[in-house]
Amino acid sequence: VKLLNLDQRFARRAAQFVDAYNKGFDGKWAAWASRKYPGQRTYPEALMMEL
């Protein structure tokens, strides 16, 4: 069960990173945003305006 939980967490974090990258963040910003907003489904508008 713990292995499945670890795989799900990895998949969710990877999907969030890819989503940020697709929205225009470079790799460093995408990694930062996925760590800064781990529980968010979308990123705040203020963050998107900084692009």
PDB file of N, CA and C in Angstrom:
ATOM      1  N   VAL A   1       0.834  -1.190   0.000  1.00  0.00           N
ATOM      2  CA  VAL A   1       0.000   0.000   0.000  1.00  0.00           C
ATOM      3  C   VAL A   1       0.874   1.248   0.000  1.00  0.00           C
ATOM      4  N   LYS A   2       1.960   1.245   0.745  1.00  0.00           N
ATOM      5  CA  LYS A   2       2.822   2.418   0.787  1.00  0.00           C
ATOM      6  C   LYS A   2       3.489   2.679  -0.555  1.00  0.00           C
ATOM      7  N   LEU A   3       3.837   1.620  -1.271  1.00  0.00           N
ATOM      8  CA  LEU A   3       4.445   1.801  -2.583  1.00  0.00           C
ATOM      9  C   LEU A   3       3.459   2.446  -3.540  1.00  0.00           C
ATOM     10  N   LEU A   4       2.209   2.024  -3.497  1.00  0.00           N
ATOM     11  CA  LEU A   4       1.182   2.614  -4.346  1.00  0.00           C
ATOM     12  C   LEU A   4       1.004   4.084  -3.999  1.00  0.00           C
ATOM     13  N   ASN A   5       0.996   4.396  -2.716  1.00  0.00           N
ATOM     14  CA  ASN A   5       0.852   5.772  -2.274  1.00  0.00           C
ATOM     15  C   ASN A   5       2.018   6.620  -2.773  1.00  0.00           C
ATOM     16  N   LEU A   6       3.220   6.086  -2.734  1.00  0.00           N
ATOM     17  CA  LEU A   6       4.393   6.798  -3.216  1.00  0.00           C
ATOM     18  C   LEU A   6       4.298   7.041  -4.716  1.00  0.00           C
ATOM     19  N   ASP A   7       3.846   6.043  -5.463  1.00  0.00           N
ATOM     20  CA  ASP A   7       3.677   6.202  -6.906  1.00  0.00           C
ATOM     21  C   ASP A   7       2.633   7.257  -7.231  1.00  0.00           C
ATOM     22  N   GLN A   8       1.549   7.297  -6.482  1.00  0.00           N
ATOM     23  CA  GLN A   8       0.508   8.290  -6.712  1.00  0.00           C
ATOM     24  C   GLN A   8       1.022   9.693  -6.426  1.00  0.00           C
ATOM     25  N   ARG A   9       1.794   9.841  -5.361  1.00  0.00           N
ATOM     26  CA  ARG A   9       2.348  11.158  -5.039  1.00  0.00           C
ATOM     27  C   ARG A   9       3.314  11.611  -6.119  1.00  0.00           C
ATOM     28  N   PHE A  10       4.156  10.703  -6.593  1.00  0.00           N
ATOM     29  CA  PHE A  10       5.098  11.049  -7.651  1.00  0.00           C
ATOM     30  C   PHE A  10       4.356  11.449  -8.919  1.00  0.00           C
ATOM     31  N   ALA A  11       3.335  10.686  -9.275  1.00  0.00           N
ATOM     32  CA  ALA A  11       2.569  10.977 -10.490  1.00  0.00           C
ATOM     33  C   ALA A  11       1.875  12.327 -10.389  1.00  0.00           C
ATOM     34  N   ARG A  12       1.317  12.637  -9.232  1.00  0.00           N
ATOM     35  CA  ARG A  12       0.635  13.922  -9.047  1.00  0.00           C
ATOM     36  C   ARG A  12       1.625  15.083  -9.147  1.00  0.00           C
ATOM     37  N   ARG A  13       2.783  14.938  -8.513  1.00  0.00           N
ATOM     38  CA  ARG A  13       3.774  16.013  -8.552  1.00  0.00           C
ATOM     39  C   ARG A  13       4.343  16.189  -9.958  1.00  0.00           C
ATOM     40  N   ALA A  14       4.575  15.085 -10.656  1.00  0.00           N
ATOM     41  CA  ALA A  14       5.080  15.161 -12.024  1.00  0.00           C
ATOM     42  C   ALA A  14       4.053  15.813 -12.940  1.00  0.00           C
ATOM     43  N   ALA A  15       2.783  15.467 -12.761  1.00  0.00           N
ATOM     44  CA  ALA A  15       1.727  16.062 -13.586  1.00  0.00           C
ATOM     45  C   ALA A  15       1.618  17.556 -13.321  1.00  0.00           C
ATOM     46  N   GLN A  16       1.776  17.973 -12.074  1.00  0.00           N
ATOM     47  CA  GLN A  16       1.710  19.394 -11.748  1.00  0.00           C
ATOM     48  C   GLN A  16       2.898  20.137 -12.354  1.00  0.00           C
ATOM     49  N   PHE A  17       4.078  19.523 -12.335  1.00  0.00           N
ATOM     50  CA  PHE A  17       5.253  20.131 -12.942  1.00  0.00           C
ATOM     51  C   PHE A  17       5.050  20.303 -14.445  1.00  0.00           C
ATOM     52  N   VAL A  18       4.542  19.271 -15.115  1.00  0.00           N
ATOM     53  CA  VAL A  18       4.308  19.329 -16.562  1.00  0.00           C
ATOM     54  C   VAL A  18       3.265  20.388 -16.883  1.00  0.00           C
ATOM     55  N   ASP A  19       2.223  20.495 -16.057  1.00  0.00           N
ATOM     56  CA  ASP A  19       1.193  21.503 -16.275  1.00  0.00           C
ATOM     57  C   ASP A  19       1.784  22.905 -16.184  1.00  0.00           C
ATOM     58  N   ALA A  20       2.620  23.150 -15.186  1.00  0.00           N
ATOM     59  CA  ALA A  20       3.254  24.464 -15.047  1.00  0.00           C
ATOM     60  C   ALA A  20       4.161  24.753 -16.235  1.00  0.00           C
ATOM     61  N   TYR A  21       4.887  23.767 -16.679  1.00  0.00           N
ATOM     62  CA  TYR A  21       5.782  23.937 -17.826  1.00  0.00           C
ATOM     63  C   TYR A  21       4.975  24.253 -19.085  1.00  0.00           C
ATOM     64  N   ASN A  22       3.844  23.588 -19.261  1.00  0.00           N
ATOM     65  CA  ASN A  22       2.992  23.844 -20.422  1.00  0.00           C
ATOM     66  C   ASN A  22       2.356  25.221 -20.382  1.00  0.00           C
ATOM     67  N   LYS A  23       2.195  25.788 -19.199  1.00  0.00           N
ATOM     68  CA  LYS A  23       1.602  27.120 -19.069  1.00  0.00           C
ATOM     69  C   LYS A  23       2.615  28.231 -19.276  1.00  0.00           C
ATOM     70  N   GLY A  24       3.874  27.874 -19.540  1.00  0.00           N
ATOM     71  CA  GLY A  24       4.855  28.889 -19.873  1.00  0.00           C
ATOM     72  C   GLY A  24       5.990  29.061 -18.889  1.00  0.00           C
ATOM     73  N   PHE A  25       5.959  28.367 -17.773  1.00  0.00           N
ATOM     74  CA  PHE A  25       7.068  28.449 -16.833  1.00  0.00           C
ATOM     75  C   PHE A  25       8.271  27.721 -17.410  1.00  0.00           C
ATOM     76  N   ASP A  26       9.470  28.227 -17.119  1.00  0.00           N
ATOM     77  CA  ASP A  26      10.646  27.445 -17.493  1.00  0.00           C
ATOM     78  C   ASP A  26      10.841  26.365 -16.419  1.00  0.00           C
ATOM     79  N   GLY A  27      11.830  25.528 -16.569  1.00  0.00           N
ATOM     80  CA  GLY A  27      12.004  24.398 -15.664  1.00  0.00           C
ATOM     81  C   GLY A  27      12.184  24.798 -14.215  1.00  0.00           C
ATOM     82  N   LYS A  28      12.987  25.835 -13.964  1.00  0.00           N
ATOM     83  CA  LYS A  28      13.240  26.279 -12.595  1.00  0.00           C
ATOM     84  C   LYS A  28      11.964  26.824 -11.953  1.00  0.00           C
ATOM     85  N   TRP A  29      11.213  27.656 -12.682  1.00  0.00           N
ATOM     86  CA  TRP A  29       9.970  28.220 -12.165  1.00  0.00           C
ATOM     87  C   TRP A  29       8.914  27.142 -11.978  1.00  0.00           C
ATOM     88  N   ALA A  30       8.858  26.173 -12.889  1.00  0.00           N
ATOM     89  CA  ALA A  30       7.879  25.089 -12.773  1.00  0.00           C
ATOM     90  C   ALA A  30       8.155  24.258 -11.523  1.00  0.00           C
ATOM     91  N   ALA A  31       9.416  23.975 -11.248  1.00  0.00           N
ATOM     92  CA  ALA A  31       9.775  23.220 -10.045  1.00  0.00           C
ATOM     93  C   ALA A  31       9.427  24.020  -8.793  1.00  0.00           C
ATOM     94  N   TRP A  32       9.704  25.325  -8.803  1.00  0.00           N
ATOM     95  CA  TRP A  32       9.392  26.174  -7.661  1.00  0.00           C
ATOM     96  C   TRP A  32       7.884  26.232  -7.425  1.00  0.00           C
ATOM     97  N   ALA A  33       7.119  26.427  -8.491  1.00  0.00           N
ATOM     98  CA  ALA A  33       5.667  26.546  -8.357  1.00  0.00           C
ATOM     99  C   ALA A  33       5.047  25.246  -7.865  1.00  0.00           C
ATOM    100  N   SER A  34       5.553  24.116  -8.317  1.00  0.00           N
ATOM    101  CA  SER A  34       4.984  22.846  -7.871  1.00  0.00           C
ATOM    102  C   SER A  34       5.307  22.577  -6.406  1.00  0.00           C
ATOM    103  N   ARG A  35       6.432  23.099  -5.903  1.00  0.00           N
ATOM    104  CA  ARG A  35       6.746  22.975  -4.475  1.00  0.00           C
ATOM    105  C   ARG A  35       5.974  24.001  -3.649  1.00  0.00           C
ATOM    106  N   LYS A  36       5.852  25.220  -4.167  1.00  0.00           N
ATOM    107  CA  LYS A  36       5.204  26.305  -3.432  1.00  0.00           C
ATOM    108  C   LYS A  36       3.700  26.073  -3.278  1.00  0.00           C
ATOM    109  N   TYR A  37       3.064  25.536  -4.301  1.00  0.00           N
ATOM    110  CA  TYR A  37       1.621  25.318  -4.299  1.00  0.00           C
ATOM    111  C   TYR A  37       1.310  23.834  -4.499  1.00  0.00           C
ATOM    112  N   PRO A  38       1.694  22.965  -3.553  1.00  0.00           N
ATOM    113  CA  PRO A  38       1.541  21.524  -3.776  1.00  0.00           C
ATOM    114  C   PRO A  38       0.096  21.042  -3.780  1.00  0.00           C
ATOM    115  N   GLY A  39      -0.795  21.698  -3.070  1.00  0.00           N
ATOM    116  CA  GLY A  39      -2.172  21.237  -2.991  1.00  0.00           C
ATOM    117  C   GLY A  39      -3.102  21.936  -3.955  1.00  0.00           C
ATOM    118  N   GLN A  40      -2.578  22.839  -4.743  1.00  0.00           N
ATOM    119  CA  GLN A  40      -3.419  23.624  -5.639  1.00  0.00           C
ATOM    120  C   GLN A  40      -3.626  22.906  -6.959  1.00  0.00           C
ATOM    121  N   ARG A  41      -4.829  22.995  -7.486  1.00  0.00           N
ATOM    122  CA  ARG A  41      -5.084  22.436  -8.813  1.00  0.00           C
ATOM    123  C   ARG A  41      -4.695  23.432  -9.892  1.00  0.00           C
ATOM    124  N   THR A  42      -4.803  24.705  -9.576  1.00  0.00           N
ATOM    125  CA  THR A  42      -4.371  25.745 -10.507  1.00  0.00           C
ATOM    126  C   THR A  42      -3.479  26.707  -9.745  1.00  0.00           C
ATOM    127  N   TYR A  43      -2.723  27.476 -10.462  1.00  0.00           N
ATOM    128  CA  TYR A  43      -1.840  28.444  -9.835  1.00  0.00           C
ATOM    129  C   TYR A  43      -2.554  29.780  -9.720  1.00  0.00           C
ATOM    130  N   PRO A  44      -2.231  30.583  -8.703  1.00  0.00           N
ATOM    131  CA  PRO A  44      -2.880  31.876  -8.523  1.00  0.00           C
ATOM    132  C   PRO A  44      -2.656  32.791  -9.732  1.00  0.00           C
ATOM    133  N   GLU A  45      -3.627  33.659  -9.976  1.00  0.00           N
ATOM    134  CA  GLU A  45      -3.545  34.590 -11.100  1.00  0.00           C
ATOM    135  C   GLU A  45      -2.322  35.501 -10.978  1.00  0.00           C
ATOM    136  N   ALA A  46      -1.999  35.945  -9.771  1.00  0.00           N
ATOM    137  CA  ALA A  46      -0.847  36.827  -9.587  1.00  0.00           C
ATOM    138  C   ALA A  46       0.438  36.150 -10.044  1.00  0.00           C
ATOM    139  N   LEU A  47       0.542  34.873  -9.795  1.00  0.00           N
ATOM    140  CA  LEU A  47       1.721  34.127 -10.228  1.00  0.00           C
ATOM    141  C   LEU A  47       1.766  34.033 -11.750  1.00  0.00           C
ATOM    142  N   MET A  48       0.613  33.829 -12.354  1.00  0.00           N
ATOM    143  CA  MET A  48       0.557  33.720 -13.809  1.00  0.00           C
ATOM    144  C   MET A  48       0.893  35.054 -14.475  1.00  0.00           C
ATOM    145  N   MET A  49       0.574  36.173 -13.806  1.00  0.00           N
ATOM    146  CA  MET A  49       0.870  37.498 -14.365  1.00  0.00           C
ATOM    147  C   MET A  49       2.370  37.792 -14.356  1.00  0.00           C
ATOM    148  N   GLU A  50       3.132  37.124 -13.478  1.00  0.00           N
ATOM    149  CA  GLU A  50       4.570  37.358 -13.386  1.00  0.00           C
ATOM    150  C   GLU A  50       5.339  36.769 -14.555  1.00  0.00           C
ATOM    151  N   LEU A  51       4.686  35.924 -15.336  1.00  0.00           N
ATOM    152  CA  LEU A  51       5.368  35.343 -16.490  1.00  0.00           C
ATOM    153  C   LEU A  51       5.695  36.446 -17.409  1.00  0.00           C
TER     154      LEU A  51
END
